[in-house]
Amino acid sequence: YAIIVLIFLCGIIFLVFHKSKLPSLPGEYQVSKTSFHMVDASRIEEFSDNPQQNRELMVVVYYPVDQLLMTKKPIYMDKDLRVGLSGLLNLPGFLFDRINSRCGSNLPVSIKAEKYPVLLFSPGLGSHAIFYSSLLEDIASHGYIIACISHPYSDHCVVFPDGRVIKRGTGDYSDEDEKEKAKILDTWSKDTIF
């Protein structure tokens, strides 16, 4: 048993003191991101238990910047999202603190070009956009702007600025049958158009 305890303690020490760093950005730009809370007043939230609730989205936009002028360490994941995801994935929240981001936040868009191509990104059903951040930062470093949509009730969890967390499968949501899958696809299509 002593060897098992020793291995376990070494693993804990490694997790506490080791910082994971995402790979360097391959493109000519540095990258920043900003978040938008959007409310579609023309649609009722179909998956909510509240029949008066409008459809809300969180969109994170990754974009090229000339240089990272950061006064504090960039965070990989904000506190509310960390708490929400760690609970859903049954992982301790401090594990997400061990990842150093390579992306700034709310910095000015690069002035190297007048226009940049825009891409829309929607994560897979039940996933979360944060798990694609390395890919999205990589693409943005090549001069693209990417709007990444988080779909409430379908993503692992969506955290709104007021602290509300909407988890996958809550409310009137199910992805078990074909009719429900068609409803989800229709909702996501409307999210993207909005």
Protein backbone atom coordinates (compact mmCIF):
# COMPACT_ATOMS: atom_id res chain seq x y z
CA TYR A 1 0.00 0.00 0.00
CA ALA A 2 2.89 2.36 0.67
CA ILE A 3 3.82 2.47 -3.02
CA ILE A 4 0.23 3.31 -4.02
CA VAL A 5 0.07 6.13 -1.47
CA LEU A 6 3.45 7.44 -2.68
CA ILE A 7 2.30 7.43 -6.34
CA PHE A 8 -0.94 9.16 -5.35
CA LEU A 9 0.93 11.86 -3.38
CA CYS A 10 3.36 12.43 -6.26
CA GLY A 11 0.40 12.86 -8.61
CA ILE A 12 -1.21 15.42 -6.28
CA ILE A 13 2.06 17.34 -5.94
CA PHE A 14 2.45 17.36 -9.74
CA LEU A 15 -1.08 18.69 -10.25
CA VAL A 16 -0.68 21.40 -7.64
CA PHE A 17 2.67 22.73 -8.82
CA HIS A 18 2.75 21.95 -12.56
CA LYS A 19 1.47 24.58 -15.01
CA SER A 20 0.33 23.39 -18.43
CA LYS A 21 1.01 25.76 -21.27
CA LEU A 22 -0.85 25.69 -24.55
CA PRO A 23 1.36 25.54 -27.67
CA SER A 24 2.67 28.81 -29.11
CA LEU A 25 0.49 30.51 -31.68
CA PRO A 26 1.67 29.59 -35.20
CA GLY A 27 0.32 32.61 -37.10
CA GLU A 28 1.64 36.14 -37.51
CA TYR A 29 -0.81 37.65 -35.00
CA GLN A 30 -1.33 37.48 -31.28
CA VAL A 31 -4.91 36.72 -30.21
CA SER A 32 -7.49 38.27 -27.92
CA LYS A 33 -11.06 37.37 -27.12
CA THR A 34 -14.16 39.11 -25.89
CA SER A 35 -17.56 37.81 -24.78
CA PHE A 36 -21.05 38.95 -25.71
CA HIS A 37 -24.32 38.15 -23.97
CA MET A 38 -27.04 38.24 -26.61
CA VAL A 39 -30.81 38.06 -26.17
CA ASP A 40 -33.04 37.24 -29.13
CA ALA A 41 -36.25 39.06 -28.20
CA SER A 42 -38.00 37.56 -31.23
CA ARG A 43 -37.77 34.00 -29.86
CA ILE A 44 -39.00 32.26 -26.75
CA GLU A 45 -36.57 29.80 -25.16
CA GLU A 46 -38.04 26.44 -26.19
CA PHE A 47 -36.03 24.40 -23.70
CA SER A 48 -36.72 26.48 -20.60
CA ASP A 49 -39.34 25.72 -17.99
CA ASN A 50 -40.16 29.45 -18.08
CA PRO A 51 -42.54 30.15 -21.00
CA GLN A 52 -41.72 33.89 -20.86
CA GLN A 53 -37.94 33.54 -21.25
CA ASN A 54 -36.34 34.74 -24.47
CA ARG A 55 -33.53 32.80 -26.15
CA GLU A 56 -30.17 33.92 -24.77
CA LEU A 57 -26.70 33.13 -26.09
CA MET A 58 -23.13 33.64 -25.06
CA VAL A 59 -20.74 34.32 -27.91
CA VAL A 60 -16.97 34.47 -27.51
CA VAL A 61 -15.15 36.22 -30.34
CA TYR A 62 -11.50 35.37 -30.98
CA TYR A 63 -9.63 37.90 -33.11
CA PRO A 64 -6.13 38.97 -34.19
CA VAL A 65 -4.24 41.62 -32.26
CA ASP A 66 -0.84 43.20 -32.88
CA GLN A 67 0.59 42.51 -29.45
CA LEU A 68 -0.53 41.31 -26.08
CA LEU A 69 -0.42 44.18 -23.62
CA MET A 70 -1.56 42.39 -20.52
CA THR A 71 -1.34 43.66 -16.99
CA LYS A 72 -2.34 40.31 -15.52
CA LYS A 73 -1.94 36.65 -16.41
CA PRO A 74 -4.47 35.61 -19.05
CA ILE A 75 -6.94 33.11 -17.70
CA TYR A 76 -7.97 29.99 -19.56
CA MET A 77 -11.41 29.85 -18.02
CA ASP A 78 -13.33 32.28 -15.80
CA LYS A 79 -14.41 31.27 -12.30
CA ASP A 80 -18.10 30.66 -13.02
CA LEU A 81 -17.37 28.46 -16.03
CA ARG A 82 -14.66 26.60 -14.09
CA VAL A 83 -17.12 25.85 -11.29
CA GLY A 84 -19.84 24.78 -13.73
CA LEU A 85 -17.63 22.50 -15.80
CA SER A 86 -15.75 20.98 -12.89
CA GLY A 87 -19.08 20.00 -11.33
CA LEU A 88 -20.37 18.47 -14.56
CA LEU A 89 -17.16 16.62 -15.31
CA ASN A 90 -16.56 15.56 -11.70
CA LEU A 91 -13.10 17.13 -11.72
CA PRO A 92 -11.59 19.43 -9.13
CA GLY A 93 -11.79 23.04 -10.33
CA PHE A 94 -8.14 23.77 -9.59
CA LEU A 95 -7.14 21.54 -12.52
CA PHE A 96 -8.40 24.22 -14.91
CA ASP A 97 -6.33 26.81 -13.04
CA ARG A 98 -3.22 24.87 -14.03
CA ILE A 99 -3.59 25.87 -17.71
CA ASN A 100 -1.95 29.10 -18.85
CA SER A 101 -3.81 30.78 -21.67
CA ARG A 102 -2.01 32.39 -24.60
CA CYS A 103 -4.92 34.67 -25.41
CA GLY A 104 -5.53 38.21 -24.23
CA SER A 105 -8.89 39.66 -23.31
CA ASN A 106 -10.71 42.70 -24.70
CA LEU A 107 -7.68 44.08 -26.56
CA PRO A 108 -7.91 46.27 -29.70
CA VAL A 109 -8.21 44.47 -33.04
CA SER A 110 -5.04 44.43 -35.14
CA ILE A 111 -4.58 47.34 -37.53
CA LYS A 112 -2.42 45.32 -39.96
CA ALA A 113 -5.42 44.80 -42.28
CA GLU A 114 -8.57 46.77 -43.05
CA LYS A 115 -10.79 43.67 -43.01
CA TYR A 116 -10.55 40.18 -41.62
CA PRO A 117 -12.57 37.14 -42.69
CA VAL A 118 -15.19 36.05 -40.16
CA LEU A 119 -15.98 32.44 -39.26
CA LEU A 120 -18.85 31.11 -37.16
CA PHE A 121 -18.11 28.19 -34.85
CA SER A 122 -20.60 26.03 -33.03
CA PRO A 123 -19.29 23.27 -30.74
CA GLY A 124 -20.57 19.73 -30.95
CA LEU A 125 -23.73 18.71 -29.14
CA GLY A 126 -23.03 18.44 -25.43
CA SER A 127 -19.56 19.91 -25.71
CA HIS A 128 -18.35 23.32 -24.63
CA ALA A 129 -16.60 25.98 -26.68
CA ILE A 130 -13.72 26.26 -24.17
CA PHE A 131 -12.52 22.81 -25.23
CA TYR A 132 -11.88 24.22 -28.71
CA SER A 133 -10.04 27.34 -27.53
CA SER A 134 -6.61 26.15 -28.69
CA LEU A 135 -7.94 25.52 -32.20
CA LEU A 136 -9.83 28.83 -32.32
CA GLU A 137 -6.81 30.79 -31.08
CA ASP A 138 -4.67 29.05 -33.71
CA ILE A 139 -7.06 30.08 -36.51
CA ALA A 140 -7.33 33.65 -35.20
CA SER A 141 -3.53 33.92 -35.17
CA HIS A 142 -3.66 33.57 -38.97
CA GLY A 143 -5.86 36.66 -39.34
CA TYR A 144 -9.40 35.36 -38.83
CA ILE A 145 -12.17 36.54 -36.55
CA ILE A 146 -14.13 33.62 -35.09
CA ALA A 147 -17.48 33.99 -33.37
CA CYS A 148 -17.96 30.95 -31.14
CA ILE A 149 -21.56 30.36 -30.06
CA SER A 150 -22.49 28.65 -26.80
CA HIS A 151 -25.96 27.09 -27.01
CA PRO A 152 -27.84 26.97 -23.68
CA TYR A 153 -29.34 23.60 -22.73
CA SER A 154 -27.16 21.83 -25.34
CA ASP A 155 -23.59 22.70 -24.29
CA HIS A 156 -22.16 21.22 -21.08
CA CYS A 157 -22.97 24.50 -19.39
CA VAL A 158 -23.41 28.12 -20.39
CA VAL A 159 -22.53 30.81 -17.86
CA PHE A 160 -24.19 34.21 -18.22
CA PRO A 161 -22.75 37.51 -16.91
CA ASP A 162 -25.28 37.59 -14.06
CA GLY A 163 -23.88 34.27 -12.77
CA ARG A 164 -26.68 32.02 -14.02
CA VAL A 165 -25.46 28.63 -15.18
CA ILE A 166 -27.59 26.64 -17.62
CA LYS A 167 -26.50 23.03 -17.79
CA ARG A 168 -27.07 20.58 -20.59
CA GLY A 169 -30.30 18.65 -20.37
CA THR A 170 -32.05 20.95 -17.88
CA GLY A 171 -35.49 22.43 -18.47
CA ASP A 172 -37.58 20.93 -21.28
CA TYR A 173 -34.56 19.53 -23.12
CA SER A 174 -33.90 16.07 -24.48
CA ASP A 175 -31.70 14.78 -27.28
CA GLU A 176 -32.99 11.22 -27.10
CA ASP A 177 -35.29 11.02 -30.14
CA GLU A 178 -35.22 12.21 -33.74
CA LYS A 179 -37.97 14.79 -33.24
CA GLU A 180 -36.03 16.43 -30.40
CA LYS A 181 -32.79 16.32 -32.41
CA ALA A 182 -34.55 18.16 -35.25
CA LYS A 183 -35.78 20.75 -32.74
CA ILE A 184 -32.22 21.23 -31.44
CA LEU A 185 -30.84 21.58 -34.97
CA ASP A 186 -33.53 24.14 -35.83
CA THR A 187 -32.76 26.11 -32.64
CA TRP A 188 -29.03 26.07 -33.34
CA SER A 189 -29.63 27.22 -36.93
CA LYS A 190 -31.67 30.14 -35.64
CA ASP A 191 -28.95 30.88 -33.06
CA THR A 192 -26.41 31.11 -35.87
CA ILE A 193 -28.61 33.35 -38.02
CA PHE A 194 -29.30 35.65 -35.07
